[in-house]
Amino acid sequence: MGDFKVASVIELIGESTESWEDAVNQAVEAASKTIQHITGVEVLNLTAVVEDGRVTRYKADVHVAFGVDDKLRKIKEPAMATHATPVY
């Protein structure tokens, strides 16, 4: 996973008129336009659209994993909440 302590995973569906492999590549290429540090892809499911007895579109449901850069995270860990003891 490189220098990253935390990874995130998103699910995408890539589509291609060429092949399932190309559908996977389409999903990864689309993700890489907005997501940095992609480290891997897992293919979950392969499907296709059939028209007139022929496969016309290949679809790949994938998980794309990427490292979360702590230096870029804007969310800080929540402070410990202090609760007052209820008075009865």
Protein backbone atom coordinates (compact mmCIF):
# COMPACT_ATOMS: atom_id res chain seq x y z
CA MET A 1 0.00 0.00 0.00
CA GLY A 2 2.99 2.30 -0.22
CA ASP A 3 3.51 4.98 2.41
CA PHE A 4 -0.19 5.20 3.26
CA LYS A 5 -1.55 4.04 6.59
CA VAL A 6 -5.16 4.06 5.41
CA ALA A 7 -6.78 2.93 2.17
CA SER A 8 -10.20 3.69 0.81
CA VAL A 9 -12.22 1.64 -1.66
CA ILE A 10 -14.88 2.79 -4.11
CA GLU A 11 -17.12 0.72 -6.34
CA LEU A 12 -17.42 1.58 -10.02
CA ILE A 13 -18.90 0.04 -13.15
CA GLY A 14 -16.80 0.34 -16.30
CA GLU A 15 -18.30 -0.21 -19.73
CA SER A 16 -16.79 -1.06 -23.11
CA THR A 17 -17.86 -2.21 -26.56
CA GLU A 18 -14.54 -4.10 -26.89
CA SER A 19 -14.04 -6.49 -23.93
CA TRP A 20 -14.38 -7.01 -20.18
CA GLU A 21 -10.69 -6.17 -19.76
CA ASP A 22 -11.29 -2.86 -21.50
CA ALA A 23 -14.32 -2.23 -19.25
CA VAL A 24 -12.07 -2.68 -16.18
CA ASN A 25 -9.51 -0.30 -17.69
CA GLN A 26 -12.24 2.26 -18.44
CA ALA A 27 -13.29 2.25 -14.78
CA VAL A 28 -9.71 2.64 -13.52
CA GLU A 29 -8.89 5.37 -16.04
CA ALA A 30 -12.04 7.31 -15.12
CA ALA A 31 -11.23 7.04 -11.41
CA SER A 32 -7.63 8.15 -11.96
CA LYS A 33 -8.85 11.49 -13.36
CA THR A 34 -10.05 12.56 -9.90
CA ILE A 35 -8.42 10.12 -7.45
CA GLN A 36 -4.73 10.00 -6.60
CA HIS A 37 -2.70 7.07 -5.28
CA ILE A 38 -4.71 4.22 -6.84
CA THR A 39 -3.09 1.01 -5.65
CA GLY A 40 -5.29 -1.78 -6.99
CA VAL A 41 -8.50 -3.02 -8.52
CA GLU A 42 -10.70 -6.00 -7.67
CA VAL A 43 -13.14 -7.31 -10.26
CA LEU A 44 -16.41 -8.18 -8.53
CA ASN A 45 -18.70 -9.06 -11.41
CA LEU A 46 -18.71 -9.21 -15.19
CA THR A 47 -21.91 -8.69 -17.18
CA ALA A 48 -22.85 -7.87 -20.75
CA VAL A 49 -25.66 -6.37 -22.75
CA VAL A 50 -27.01 -8.61 -25.51
CA GLU A 51 -28.79 -7.17 -28.54
CA ASP A 52 -30.01 -9.25 -31.47
CA GLY A 53 -28.23 -12.32 -30.11
CA ARG A 54 -24.82 -10.62 -29.83
CA VAL A 55 -22.87 -9.06 -26.98
CA THR A 56 -22.82 -5.33 -27.64
CA ARG A 57 -21.49 -3.89 -24.36
CA TYR A 58 -19.29 -5.40 -21.66
CA LYS A 59 -19.62 -4.22 -18.06
CA ALA A 60 -17.24 -4.73 -15.15
CA ASP A 61 -18.23 -4.01 -11.55
CA VAL A 62 -14.98 -3.22 -9.74
CA HIS A 63 -13.57 -2.03 -6.42
CA VAL A 64 -10.79 0.53 -6.84
CA ALA A 65 -8.46 0.96 -3.84
CA PHE A 66 -6.40 4.07 -3.17
CA GLY A 67 -4.17 5.36 -0.41
CA VAL A 68 -5.46 8.16 1.79
CA ASP A 69 -2.86 10.89 2.19
CA ASP A 70 -3.03 12.06 5.83
CA LYS A 71 -1.28 15.30 4.90
CA LEU A 72 -4.19 16.26 2.65
CA ARG A 73 -7.03 15.22 4.97
CA LYS A 74 -9.05 18.16 6.20
CA ILE A 75 -11.10 16.23 8.77
CA LYS A 76 -9.61 16.24 12.23
CA GLU A 77 -10.30 13.62 14.82
CA PRO A 78 -13.16 14.67 17.09
CA ALA A 79 -12.26 16.00 20.50
CA MET A 80 -13.29 13.91 23.45
CA ALA A 81 -16.71 15.01 24.56
CA THR A 82 -17.16 15.83 28.20
CA HIS A 83 -20.51 14.97 29.63
CA ALA A 84 -21.88 16.55 32.74
CA THR A 85 -23.09 14.19 35.39
CA PRO A 86 -26.88 14.40 35.54
CA VAL A 87 -28.33 15.81 38.72
CA TYR A 88 -31.42 14.02 40.07
